[in-house]
């Protein structure tokens, strides 16, 4: 059975619009989340 992940990322946030694309470390926040999911051993 294939196990996948769904990463919710709302661009139009009310408190911090554009949050998934913010880049304090040189990479967008969403990229950090995607890379962590790719490293997860339980996902295919």
Protein backbone atom coordinates (compact mmCIF):
# COMPACT_ATOMS: atom_id res chain seq x y z
CA UNK A 1 0.00 0.00 0.00
CA UNK A 2 1.31 3.44 -0.93
CA UNK A 3 1.36 6.02 1.86
CA UNK A 4 1.33 9.68 0.88
CA UNK A 5 1.20 12.99 2.74
CA UNK A 6 -0.99 16.02 2.19
CA UNK A 7 0.61 19.27 3.32
CA UNK A 8 -1.94 22.04 3.88
CA UNK A 9 -0.53 25.47 3.08
CA UNK A 10 -2.92 28.38 2.94
CA UNK A 11 -1.55 31.39 1.09
CA UNK A 12 -4.36 33.76 2.11
CA UNK A 13 -3.88 33.48 5.88
CA UNK A 14 -5.57 36.23 7.88
CA UNK A 15 -2.77 36.75 10.43
CA UNK A 16 0.22 36.28 8.15
CA UNK A 17 -0.61 36.40 4.42
CA UNK A 18 1.82 34.52 2.19
CA UNK A 19 3.24 32.53 5.12
CA UNK A 20 4.17 29.42 3.05
CA UNK A 21 6.42 31.58 0.86
CA UNK A 22 8.18 33.49 3.67
CA UNK A 23 11.91 32.97 3.64
CA UNK A 24 13.87 33.69 6.84
CA UNK A 25 16.52 31.05 6.16
CA UNK A 26 16.95 31.54 2.42
CA UNK A 27 14.33 28.93 1.56
CA UNK A 28 10.54 29.28 1.69
CA UNK A 29 8.81 27.82 4.74
CA UNK A 30 6.87 25.35 2.58
CA UNK A 31 10.14 23.98 1.21
CA UNK A 32 11.29 23.08 4.74
CA UNK A 33 8.02 21.20 5.30
CA UNK A 34 8.24 19.33 1.98
CA UNK A 35 11.84 18.30 2.64
CA UNK A 36 10.95 17.04 6.12
CA UNK A 37 8.10 14.99 4.64
CA UNK A 38 10.44 13.49 2.05
CA UNK A 39 12.80 12.39 4.83
CA UNK A 40 9.96 10.70 6.75
CA UNK A 41 10.50 6.96 6.78
CA UNK A 42 6.79 6.11 6.77
CA UNK A 43 5.98 7.85 3.48
CA UNK A 44 6.53 6.33 0.04
